[in-house]
Protein backbone atom coordinates (compact mmCIF):
# COMPACT_ATOMS: atom_id res chain seq x y z
CA MET A 1 10.81 6.50 42.70
CA ILE A 2 7.84 4.07 41.77
CA LYS A 3 6.48 6.80 39.57
CA ARG A 4 10.27 7.38 37.59
CA LEU A 5 10.43 3.52 37.08
CA VAL A 6 6.51 3.71 35.72
CA LEU A 7 7.86 6.75 33.42
CA LEU A 8 10.89 4.87 32.45
CA ALA A 9 8.96 1.74 31.46
CA VAL A 10 6.63 3.70 29.41
CA PHE A 11 9.26 5.50 27.68
CA VAL A 12 11.49 2.31 26.85
CA GLY A 13 8.31 0.60 25.81
CA GLY A 14 7.69 3.43 23.54
CA ILE A 15 10.99 3.02 22.00
CA LEU A 16 10.63 -0.58 21.61
CA PHE A 17 7.45 -0.05 19.92
CA THR A 18 8.29 2.29 17.33
CA SER A 19 11.73 0.55 16.68
CA SER A 20 10.32 -2.99 15.93
CA SER A 21 7.88 -4.29 13.55
CA GLN A 22 4.20 -3.04 14.02
CA ASN A 23 0.98 -4.87 13.38
CA ILE A 24 -1.07 -3.78 10.61
CA VAL A 25 -4.72 -3.19 11.72
CA MET A 26 -6.38 -5.13 8.89
CA ASP A 27 -9.85 -3.78 9.07
CA LYS A 28 -8.63 0.10 8.86
CA SER A 29 -6.02 -0.48 6.06
CA ASN A 30 -6.73 -0.48 2.39
CA VAL A 31 -5.52 0.58 -0.86
CA GLU A 32 -7.81 2.71 -3.06
CA PHE A 33 -7.67 3.22 -6.81
CA ARG A 34 -8.73 5.23 -9.53
CA VAL A 35 -8.55 4.97 -13.12
CA ALA A 36 -9.98 6.50 -16.16
CA ASN A 37 -13.09 4.81 -17.59
CA LEU A 38 -13.93 5.70 -21.36
CA GLY A 39 -12.11 8.83 -21.07
CA ALA A 40 -15.08 10.66 -19.31
CA ASN A 41 -15.62 8.36 -16.20
CA THR A 42 -13.26 7.59 -13.39
CA VAL A 43 -13.59 4.19 -11.83
CA LYS A 44 -13.10 3.84 -8.07
CA GLY A 45 -12.12 0.79 -6.07
CA LYS A 46 -10.14 -0.67 -3.29
CA PHE A 47 -8.20 -3.56 -1.92
CA THR A 48 -8.50 -4.84 1.54
CA GLY A 49 -6.66 -7.63 3.30
CA MET A 50 -3.43 -6.00 3.94
CA THR A 51 -0.67 -7.89 5.88
CA GLY A 52 2.89 -8.03 6.35
CA ASN A 53 5.46 -6.14 8.41
CA VAL A 54 5.76 -2.36 8.98
CA THR A 55 8.76 -0.81 10.96
CA PHE A 56 8.56 2.86 10.93
CA ASP A 57 9.66 5.47 13.54
CA PRO A 58 9.86 8.89 12.07
CA LYS A 59 13.00 9.40 14.68
CA ASN A 60 14.74 6.72 13.27
CA ILE A 61 14.29 6.64 9.33
CA ALA A 62 17.25 4.42 8.76
CA LYS A 63 15.42 1.29 10.46
CA ALA A 64 12.30 1.89 8.75
CA SER A 65 10.90 -0.85 6.27
CA PHE A 66 7.90 -2.04 4.52
CA ASP A 67 7.31 -5.44 3.59
CA VAL A 68 3.14 -5.70 2.78
CA CYS A 69 0.94 -7.31 0.58
CA ILE A 70 -2.95 -6.87 -0.04
CA ASP A 71 -5.20 -9.71 -1.04
CA ALA A 72 -6.09 -9.15 -4.73
CA THR A 73 -9.01 -11.20 -4.66
CA SER A 74 -10.58 -8.36 -2.17
CA ILE A 75 -10.83 -5.97 -5.33
CA ASN A 76 -14.42 -3.95 -4.95
CA THR A 77 -15.45 -1.35 -7.38
CA ARG A 78 -19.01 -1.50 -6.26
CA MET A 79 -20.22 -3.51 -9.46
CA LYS A 80 -20.21 -7.03 -9.06
CA LYS A 81 -19.96 -7.89 -12.88
CA ARG A 82 -16.93 -5.44 -13.24
CA ASP A 83 -15.26 -7.21 -10.03
CA THR A 84 -15.56 -10.65 -11.65
CA ALA A 85 -13.82 -9.21 -14.96
CA LEU A 86 -11.15 -7.37 -13.04
CA LYS A 87 -10.50 -10.84 -11.06
CA GLY A 88 -10.17 -12.80 -14.13
CA PRO A 89 -7.24 -13.51 -16.38
CA LYS A 90 -7.52 -9.90 -18.72
CA TYR A 91 -6.64 -8.12 -15.62
CA PHE A 92 -5.48 -9.26 -12.13
CA ASP A 93 -5.77 -12.99 -12.65
CA ILE A 94 -6.37 -13.64 -9.01
CA ALA A 95 -6.10 -17.37 -9.76
CA ARG A 96 -2.56 -17.11 -10.75
CA TYR A 97 -1.75 -13.68 -8.61
CA PRO A 98 -3.55 -13.71 -5.48
CA GLU A 99 -1.40 -11.05 -3.86
CA ILE A 100 -0.38 -7.68 -4.69
CA CYS A 101 3.46 -6.88 -2.83
CA PHE A 102 5.39 -4.14 -1.97
CA ALA A 103 8.94 -4.58 -0.14
CA SER A 104 10.99 -1.51 0.40
CA LYS A 105 14.41 -0.66 -0.71
CA THR A 106 15.16 2.68 0.92
CA VAL A 107 13.13 5.10 2.99
CA SER A 108 14.05 9.07 3.32
CA ARG A 109 12.64 12.16 4.62
CA THR A 110 11.27 14.66 2.06
CA GLY A 111 10.16 17.88 3.72
CA MET A 112 7.18 17.26 5.60
CA ASN A 113 6.76 13.90 4.19
CA TYR A 114 8.65 10.43 3.61
CA LYS A 115 9.61 8.74 0.46
CA VAL A 116 9.93 4.93 0.12
CA ILE A 117 11.49 3.49 -2.76
CA GLY A 118 10.87 -0.35 -3.29
CA SER A 119 9.51 -3.06 -5.51
CA LEU A 120 6.02 -3.41 -6.26
CA SER A 121 4.85 -6.96 -7.47
CA MET A 122 1.63 -7.30 -9.41
CA HIS A 123 0.28 -9.71 -11.77
CA GLY A 124 3.66 -11.41 -12.07
CA VAL A 125 5.46 -8.36 -12.46
CA LYS A 126 7.96 -6.65 -10.20
CA LYS A 127 8.88 -2.90 -10.63
CA GLU A 128 10.44 -0.18 -8.78
CA VAL A 129 8.35 2.31 -7.59
CA GLU A 130 8.54 5.40 -5.30
CA ILE A 131 5.84 6.43 -2.88
CA ILE A 132 5.54 9.48 -1.10
CA PHE A 133 3.68 9.12 2.26
CA ASN A 134 2.99 10.82 5.52
CA SER A 135 2.48 9.65 8.98
CA SER A 136 -0.12 10.84 11.56
CA ARG A 137 -0.39 9.27 14.85
CA ASN A 138 -0.75 5.40 13.90
CA THR A 139 -1.76 5.93 10.35
CA LEU A 140 0.54 5.74 7.23
CA THR A 141 -0.62 7.40 4.07
CA GLY A 142 0.90 7.13 0.78
CA LYS A 143 0.19 7.84 -3.01
CA LEU A 144 1.84 6.55 -6.11
CA LYS A 145 1.04 6.54 -9.86
CA VAL A 146 1.41 3.40 -11.82
CA ASN A 147 1.02 2.43 -15.64
CA ARG A 148 -1.16 -0.64 -15.75
CA LEU A 149 0.36 -1.89 -18.71
CA ASP A 150 3.82 -1.92 -16.99
CA TYR A 151 2.46 -4.87 -15.06
CA LYS A 152 0.31 -6.36 -17.93
CA ILE A 153 -3.14 -5.70 -16.78
CA GLY A 154 -5.94 -4.96 -19.06
CA PRO A 155 -6.01 -4.16 -22.68
CA LYS A 156 -3.06 -2.40 -24.27
CA SER A 157 -5.20 0.34 -25.65
CA GLY A 158 -6.23 3.12 -23.17
CA VAL A 159 -9.37 3.95 -24.85
CA PHE A 160 -11.70 2.13 -22.28
CA VAL A 161 -9.53 1.88 -19.51
CA GLY A 162 -6.85 4.48 -18.63
CA LYS A 163 -3.42 3.36 -18.68
CA GLN A 164 -2.49 5.62 -15.59
CA VAL A 165 -3.88 4.52 -11.93
CA ASP A 166 -4.10 6.75 -9.11
CA ILE A 167 -3.28 4.62 -5.83
CA THR A 168 -3.93 5.77 -2.30
CA ILE A 169 -2.55 3.43 0.28
CA THR A 170 -3.73 3.74 4.16
CA CYS A 171 -1.92 1.45 6.67
CA VAL A 172 -2.82 1.70 10.17
CA VAL A 173 -0.45 0.08 12.68
CA GLU A 174 -0.49 -0.39 16.23
């Protein structure tokens, strides 16, 4: 009888965990990006400091939601001089826009993956984006491409800095 009650408690606890908001593990979650530089090189970097609310249960997609922000001041390309420029007014302008945020509108299954559509707010601009992601254990990994000019980031020319930015999101929840 006690074993059955323990199993029931574990089962119900698991349902409650996956149906309610999950905590983001900040030191394991990040957003990485890649953008062309001078047409021949690729600049890679990442943001950390992910916070917010994640509700995701593959068995109940209708209840899934994401309301997540990253700390724009955490940008790191492994070049201090470049990072300083990226934090400045010509790029991310972190003094005015210290966070980059995403809020979901819909989540659906697409074959073996999932698709979330929502608003990405960056540099004072909010645009609807689509993120294709997968879920493995407690890790959600998503990919999207954005045009940095849509968010008024950097020079208008794509000669020195490419216009398209490839983004990979890793969100670990508990």
